[in-house]
Amino acid sequence: MAGRTATGAEALRDWLSTAAAALEEVREPLDALNVFPVADADTGGNLAATVRAGADAARLVGTSLLGELLGICAQHCLEEARGNSGTLLAVMLAGMAEPLTDAKRLSAPELVAALDHARVRVTSALNDPVEGTIWTLVRTVAEASEEWVARSTEEPDSHRGLVALLEHLVEEGCRAVAASGEQLEVLRGTGRVDAGALGVLIVLDCLSHTVAGKAYPGAPERPYGRWLTTPEPADRNPSAHPSRGPATDPDAVEFMCTIALDPLAAATVRHELTGIGDSVIMTAIDPTGPRMRWKVHVHVGTAAEAMAMLTRHGRPTGITTETLAPGERS
């Protein structure tokens, strides 16, 4: 794939398929790296399953408009999102789709706009953003893209400029992931990096390779591959555990659902979720109409607590719960 064909809708489909396969290949090492927000060894599986949902949807949608295609894929990702990392990746894709509404090919300026929207969506979805995570990676590449375009001598709409920009963003993303090992207290001194940020970097690198018309060689062959070889699962490292709270209680669960709410009710639900749990993520799946559908993610002491609170405001659907205890997930 080269030239314009590497920046259109078919390239987007190839990107998502490549990213899903790349994440599936390294699911186990990403799971082993997983310590934040809780060491439940599921980041690799969650990211792979979430991107696979988008990749499968992409093959069923015939549009040539990038924003429409990516928006539909992101909606499927949000519907099927698994875990903290999968939900944030889906939010990132949804944000990227917003400024690409009428675009039929990707350019550097459009990528800058897409990443800026992704930064805003991810930030607004989080109740308490933490440095050294997916949020940091998304913010870093968004800011780096703006700086690169401002000083670049490449033609703004050239394919060569887009390739160069993406290669630069992968380099900046690598630096951000490397820094996570010191930014997250639970990672300091372990030689590890944040699993979610590394997974999203892999997705970005797959886009870079797709646009350049190059075959993605697999994460282990890339510069960040060194972080995928860890001496032991993270849950066996006693220094790699966050402080106690709802997410680390023995009986705590990850609770996810979809619920229709008006904006005022959504703000109330977000506030009440922070009172009963942590790792709160809320984002609109289809941000239109007076009662939007929201994706909800929270780590909470019991599922009953979350259900009791949510049913005061609406009818949760698509409910999933997973134990947060390492080694006990289904």
Protein backbone atom coordinates (compact mmCIF):
# COMPACT_ATOMS: atom_id res chain seq x y z
CA MET A 1 0.00 0.00 0.00
CA ALA A 2 1.41 3.43 -0.89
CA GLY A 3 0.43 7.01 -1.62
CA ARG A 4 -3.23 7.95 -1.32
CA THR A 5 -4.37 4.37 -0.84
CA ALA A 6 -2.48 4.35 2.46
CA THR A 7 -4.56 7.20 3.87
CA GLY A 8 -8.13 6.29 2.88
CA ALA A 9 -10.90 4.18 4.35
CA GLU A 10 -9.36 0.87 3.29
CA ALA A 11 -6.15 1.84 5.05
CA LEU A 12 -8.17 2.54 8.19
CA ARG A 13 -9.66 -0.95 7.96
CA ASP A 14 -6.18 -2.41 7.51
CA TRP A 15 -4.92 -0.41 10.47
CA LEU A 16 -7.54 -1.75 12.85
CA SER A 17 -7.06 -5.33 11.66
CA THR A 18 -3.29 -5.02 12.02
CA ALA A 19 -3.62 -3.48 15.48
CA ALA A 20 -6.01 -6.20 16.66
CA ALA A 21 -3.64 -8.93 15.46
CA ALA A 22 -0.63 -7.17 17.00
CA LEU A 23 -2.33 -6.90 20.38
CA GLU A 24 -3.52 -10.50 20.26
CA GLU A 25 0.08 -11.59 19.63
CA VAL A 26 1.33 -9.87 22.78
CA ARG A 27 -1.72 -10.36 24.98
CA GLU A 28 0.09 -12.47 27.56
CA PRO A 29 3.13 -10.20 28.08
CA LEU A 30 0.85 -7.16 28.33
CA ASP A 31 -1.26 -9.02 30.88
CA ALA A 32 1.90 -9.80 32.85
CA LEU A 33 2.89 -6.11 32.87
CA ASN A 34 -0.51 -4.99 34.18
CA VAL A 35 -0.27 -3.36 37.62
CA PHE A 36 -2.33 -0.15 37.31
CA PRO A 37 -4.95 0.68 38.41
CA VAL A 38 -4.94 -2.87 39.83
CA ALA A 39 -2.75 -5.88 39.07
CA ASP A 40 -5.52 -8.06 37.63
CA ALA A 41 -3.52 -9.29 34.61
CA ASP A 42 -6.04 -8.41 31.91
CA THR A 43 -4.77 -5.37 29.96
CA GLY A 44 -3.57 -7.33 26.94
CA GLY A 45 -6.80 -9.28 26.59
CA ASN A 46 -8.94 -6.19 27.14
CA LEU A 47 -7.15 -4.11 24.52
CA ALA A 48 -7.10 -6.93 21.96
CA ALA A 49 -10.82 -7.71 22.37
CA THR A 50 -11.78 -4.04 22.17
CA VAL A 51 -9.81 -3.34 18.99
CA ARG A 52 -11.02 -6.59 17.43
CA ALA A 53 -14.61 -5.36 17.85
CA GLY A 54 -13.74 -2.24 15.89
CA ALA A 55 -11.80 -4.13 13.22
CA ASP A 56 -14.69 -6.54 12.66
CA ALA A 57 -17.14 -3.65 12.37
CA ALA A 58 -14.89 -1.86 9.87
CA ARG A 59 -15.18 -4.74 7.39
CA LEU A 60 -18.98 -4.46 7.44
CA VAL A 61 -19.17 -0.72 6.76
CA GLY A 62 -18.91 0.41 3.14
CA THR A 63 -18.43 4.16 3.57
CA SER A 64 -15.37 5.94 2.20
CA LEU A 65 -15.63 8.76 4.76
CA LEU A 66 -12.98 8.38 7.45
CA GLY A 67 -14.93 10.05 10.22
CA GLU A 68 -18.06 8.01 9.59
CA LEU A 69 -16.12 4.76 9.40
CA LEU A 70 -13.96 5.42 12.45
CA GLY A 71 -16.97 6.71 14.38
CA ILE A 72 -18.92 3.51 13.74
CA CYS A 73 -15.90 1.40 14.66
CA ALA A 74 -15.34 3.42 17.83
CA GLN A 75 -18.98 2.97 18.80
CA HIS A 76 -18.60 -0.80 18.42
CA CYS A 77 -15.40 -0.61 20.48
CA LEU A 78 -17.25 1.27 23.21
CA GLU A 79 -20.15 -1.19 23.16
CA GLU A 80 -17.74 -4.13 23.50
CA ALA A 81 -15.03 -2.38 25.52
CA ARG A 82 -13.37 -4.44 28.18
CA GLY A 83 -11.63 -3.01 31.20
CA ASN A 84 -10.11 0.36 31.98
CA SER A 85 -7.62 0.17 29.11
CA GLY A 86 -10.09 -1.05 26.49
CA THR A 87 -12.58 1.66 27.42
CA LEU A 88 -9.99 4.44 27.18
CA LEU A 89 -8.73 3.16 23.83
CA ALA A 90 -12.31 3.16 22.53
CA VAL A 91 -12.76 6.72 23.82
CA MET A 92 -9.56 7.74 22.02
CA LEU A 93 -10.85 6.31 18.72
CA ALA A 94 -14.20 8.05 19.20
CA GLY A 95 -12.43 11.34 19.74
CA MET A 96 -10.24 10.86 16.68
CA ALA A 97 -13.32 10.30 14.51
CA GLU A 98 -15.01 13.59 15.37
CA PRO A 99 -12.98 16.05 13.23
CA LEU A 100 -12.71 13.64 10.28
CA THR A 101 -16.40 13.81 9.36
CA ASP A 102 -16.08 14.59 5.64
CA ALA A 103 -12.49 13.43 5.07
CA LYS A 104 -11.75 10.71 2.53
CA ARG A 105 -8.03 10.63 3.18
CA LEU A 106 -5.88 11.38 6.18
CA SER A 107 -3.39 14.25 6.19
CA ALA A 108 -1.05 15.60 8.85
CA PRO A 109 -3.33 18.53 9.81
CA GLU A 110 -6.30 16.18 10.08
CA LEU A 111 -4.32 13.79 12.25
CA VAL A 112 -3.39 16.70 14.53
CA ALA A 113 -7.06 17.62 14.88
CA ALA A 114 -8.01 13.98 15.45
CA LEU A 115 -5.46 13.53 18.22
CA ASP A 116 -6.46 16.79 19.88
CA HIS A 117 -10.08 15.65 19.98
CA ALA A 118 -8.93 12.30 21.33
CA ARG A 119 -7.05 14.09 24.11
CA VAL A 120 -10.15 16.08 25.04
CA ARG A 121 -12.43 13.01 25.00
CA VAL A 122 -10.08 10.88 27.08
CA THR A 123 -9.51 13.67 29.60
CA SER A 124 -13.24 14.36 29.97
CA ALA A 125 -14.02 10.64 30.38
CA LEU A 126 -11.72 10.33 33.39
CA ASN A 127 -12.66 11.49 36.84
CA ASP A 128 -9.07 11.56 38.09
CA PRO A 129 -6.41 11.37 35.33
CA VAL A 130 -3.10 9.85 36.44
CA GLU A 131 0.31 10.54 34.91
CA GLY A 132 2.11 7.58 33.36
CA THR A 133 -1.02 6.00 31.88
CA ILE A 134 -2.94 5.94 28.59
CA TRP A 135 -4.04 9.48 29.34
CA THR A 136 -0.43 10.67 29.40
CA LEU A 137 0.36 8.90 26.13
CA VAL A 138 -2.64 10.39 24.33
CA ARG A 139 -1.85 13.87 25.64
CA THR A 140 1.82 13.53 24.72
CA VAL A 141 1.24 12.52 21.11
CA ALA A 142 -1.47 15.16 20.68
CA GLU A 143 0.86 17.91 21.86
CA ALA A 144 3.79 16.50 19.89
CA SER A 145 1.73 16.46 16.70
CA GLU A 146 0.87 20.15 17.07
CA GLU A 147 4.51 21.05 17.67
CA TRP A 148 5.71 18.96 14.71
CA VAL A 149 3.28 20.51 12.23
CA ALA A 150 4.13 24.01 13.47
CA ARG A 151 7.82 23.58 12.65
CA SER A 152 7.67 21.12 9.75
CA THR A 153 8.87 22.13 6.29
CA GLU A 154 6.82 19.37 4.63
CA GLU A 155 3.77 20.19 2.54
CA PRO A 156 0.86 20.04 5.02
CA ASP A 157 -1.25 17.67 2.93
CA SER A 158 1.56 15.51 1.57
CA HIS A 159 1.71 11.79 2.17
CA ARG A 160 5.40 12.10 3.02
CA GLY A 161 4.57 14.63 5.73
CA LEU A 162 1.98 12.33 7.28
CA VAL A 163 4.42 9.42 7.31
CA ALA A 164 7.10 11.58 8.94
CA LEU A 165 4.64 12.90 11.53
CA LEU A 166 3.52 9.41 12.53
CA GLU A 167 7.09 8.17 12.82
CA HIS A 168 7.83 11.14 15.08
CA LEU A 169 4.78 10.40 17.21
CA VAL A 170 5.83 6.79 17.70
CA GLU A 171 9.21 8.04 18.95
CA GLU A 172 7.54 10.50 21.32
CA GLY A 173 5.15 7.77 22.42
CA CYS A 174 8.09 5.51 23.26
CA ARG A 175 9.53 8.24 25.46
CA ALA A 176 6.19 8.68 27.21
CA VAL A 177 5.86 4.95 27.86
CA ALA A 178 9.44 4.78 29.16
CA ALA A 179 8.67 7.62 31.57
CA SER A 180 5.66 5.75 32.98
CA GLY A 181 8.06 3.51 34.87
CA GLU A 182 8.93 6.47 37.10
CA GLN A 183 5.66 8.40 36.95
CA LEU A 184 3.58 5.56 38.40
CA GLU A 185 4.61 4.87 41.98
CA VAL A 186 3.76 1.17 41.70
CA LEU A 187 6.26 0.81 38.82
CA ARG A 188 9.27 2.59 40.29
CA GLY A 189 12.27 0.34 40.59
CA THR A 190 10.57 -2.58 38.81
CA GLY A 191 11.95 -1.99 35.30
CA ARG A 192 8.38 -2.12 34.01
CA VAL A 193 6.19 0.34 32.13
CA ASP A 194 2.45 0.92 32.07
CA ALA A 195 0.77 -1.89 30.14
CA GLY A 196 -2.11 0.24 28.87
CA ALA A 197 0.12 2.99 27.53
CA LEU A 198 2.33 0.41 25.82
CA GLY A 199 -0.70 -1.23 24.23
CA VAL A 200 -1.97 2.07 22.84
CA LEU A 201 1.53 2.83 21.54
CA ILE A 202 1.36 -0.45 19.60
CA VAL A 203 -1.94 0.70 18.05
CA LEU A 204 -0.35 4.02 17.04
CA ASP A 205 2.68 2.26 15.57
CA CYS A 206 0.38 0.03 13.51
CA LEU A 207 -1.17 3.19 12.05
CA SER A 208 2.30 4.51 11.25
CA HIS A 209 3.23 1.32 9.41
CA THR A 210 -0.08 1.18 7.56
CA VAL A 211 0.19 4.76 6.32
CA ALA A 212 3.80 4.18 5.24
CA GLY A 213 2.77 1.08 3.30
CA LYS A 214 4.99 -1.14 5.45
CA ALA A 215 4.17 -4.48 7.05
CA TYR A 216 4.09 -4.26 10.82
CA PRO A 217 6.82 -6.64 12.05
CA GLY A 218 5.25 -7.37 15.42
CA ALA A 219 5.74 -5.59 18.73
CA PRO A 220 8.66 -7.78 19.89
CA GLU A 221 10.67 -6.54 16.89
CA ARG A 222 10.09 -2.87 17.61
CA PRO A 223 12.17 -0.67 19.98
CA TYR A 224 9.50 -0.97 22.67
CA GLY A 225 9.61 -4.77 22.44
CA ARG A 226 12.09 -4.89 25.31
CA TRP A 227 9.30 -3.97 27.72
CA LEU A 228 7.34 -7.06 26.72
CA THR A 229 9.85 -9.42 28.32
CA THR A 230 9.33 -9.36 32.07
CA PRO A 231 10.93 -11.74 34.58
CA GLU A 232 7.68 -12.58 36.36
CA PRO A 233 3.98 -11.66 36.31
CA ALA A 234 3.43 -8.28 37.93
CA ASP A 235 1.07 -9.67 40.57
CA ARG A 236 4.00 -11.60 42.06
CA ASN A 237 6.00 -8.43 42.63
CA PRO A 238 4.98 -7.09 46.06
CA SER A 239 6.23 -3.60 45.24
CA ALA A 240 3.97 -3.40 42.19
CA HIS A 241 0.65 -2.91 43.95
CA PRO A 242 -1.32 0.32 44.27
CA SER A 243 -2.52 1.49 47.66
CA ARG A 244 -5.62 -0.15 49.05
CA GLY A 245 -9.07 1.06 48.08
CA PRO A 246 -12.17 -0.32 46.32
CA ALA A 247 -10.04 -1.62 43.46
CA THR A 248 -7.84 -3.76 45.70
CA ASP A 249 -10.33 -5.14 48.23
CA PRO A 250 -10.49 -8.95 47.94
CA ASP A 251 -14.16 -8.95 46.88
CA ALA A 252 -14.02 -5.86 44.64
CA VAL A 253 -15.25 -6.01 41.05
CA GLU A 254 -14.91 -4.14 37.82
CA PHE A 255 -18.44 -3.05 36.87
CA MET A 256 -19.32 -1.90 33.36
CA CYS A 257 -22.63 -1.04 31.72
CA THR A 258 -24.44 1.24 29.31
CA ILE A 259 -27.13 3.63 30.54
CA ALA A 260 -29.24 6.40 28.95
CA LEU A 261 -28.96 9.69 30.83
CA ASP A 262 -29.49 13.38 30.21
CA PRO A 263 -26.42 15.58 30.82
CA LEU A 264 -27.48 16.60 34.35
CA ALA A 265 -28.13 13.00 35.39
CA ALA A 266 -24.81 11.95 33.85
CA ALA A 267 -22.97 14.51 35.96
CA THR A 268 -24.80 13.28 39.05
CA VAL A 269 -23.99 9.65 38.29
CA ARG A 270 -20.32 10.46 37.78
CA HIS A 271 -20.21 12.23 41.15
CA GLU A 272 -21.98 9.38 42.93
CA LEU A 273 -19.73 6.76 41.33
CA THR A 274 -16.68 8.48 42.81
CA GLY A 275 -18.27 8.10 46.22
CA ILE A 276 -18.58 4.32 46.00
CA GLY A 277 -15.61 3.33 43.84
CA ASP A 278 -12.59 4.39 41.83
CA SER A 279 -11.19 4.12 38.28
CA VAL A 280 -14.36 5.89 37.12
CA ILE A 281 -14.76 6.35 33.36
CA MET A 282 -17.88 7.82 31.75
CA THR A 283 -18.22 8.70 28.09
CA ALA A 284 -21.08 9.17 25.65
CA ILE A 285 -21.42 6.34 23.13
CA ASP A 286 -23.68 8.31 20.80
CA PRO A 287 -23.51 11.97 21.87
CA THR A 288 -26.82 13.10 20.32
CA GLY A 289 -30.33 13.60 21.66
CA PRO A 290 -31.58 14.67 25.09
CA ARG A 291 -30.83 11.29 26.71
CA MET A 292 -27.49 10.03 25.48
CA ARG A 293 -26.23 6.51 26.02
CA TRP A 294 -23.22 6.45 28.31
CA LYS A 295 -20.56 3.82 28.84
CA VAL A 296 -19.81 3.43 32.52
CA HIS A 297 -16.74 1.79 34.07
CA VAL A 298 -15.94 1.65 37.79
CA HIS A 299 -14.04 -0.47 40.30
CA VAL A 300 -16.36 -0.96 43.25
CA GLY A 301 -16.65 -3.05 46.40
CA THR A 302 -19.68 -4.98 45.12
CA ALA A 303 -21.74 -4.95 41.92
CA ALA A 304 -24.86 -4.46 44.04
CA GLU A 305 -23.58 -1.05 45.16
CA ALA A 306 -23.19 0.12 41.58
CA MET A 307 -26.55 -1.31 40.50
CA ALA A 308 -28.41 0.27 43.41
CA MET A 309 -26.99 3.69 42.62
CA LEU A 310 -27.42 3.50 38.83
CA THR A 311 -31.00 2.24 38.90
CA ARG A 312 -32.02 5.41 40.72
CA HIS A 313 -31.18 7.29 37.52
CA GLY A 314 -31.99 4.88 34.69
CA ARG A 315 -31.88 1.29 33.47
CA PRO A 316 -28.37 -0.13 33.08
CA THR A 317 -27.93 -2.55 30.17
CA GLY A 318 -25.03 -4.59 28.84
CA ILE A 319 -23.85 -5.17 32.39
CA THR A 320 -20.56 -6.98 32.91
CA THR A 321 -18.69 -7.66 36.12
CA GLU A 322 -15.23 -9.11 36.66
CA THR A 323 -13.37 -9.84 39.85
CA LEU A 324 -10.31 -7.69 40.43
CA ALA A 325 -8.47 -10.48 42.22
CA PRO A 326 -5.40 -11.62 40.21
CA GLY A 327 -5.75 -15.08 38.69
CA GLU A 328 -9.50 -15.33 39.31
CA ARG A 329 -10.88 -13.70 36.17
CA SER A 330 -13.10 -15.62 33.78
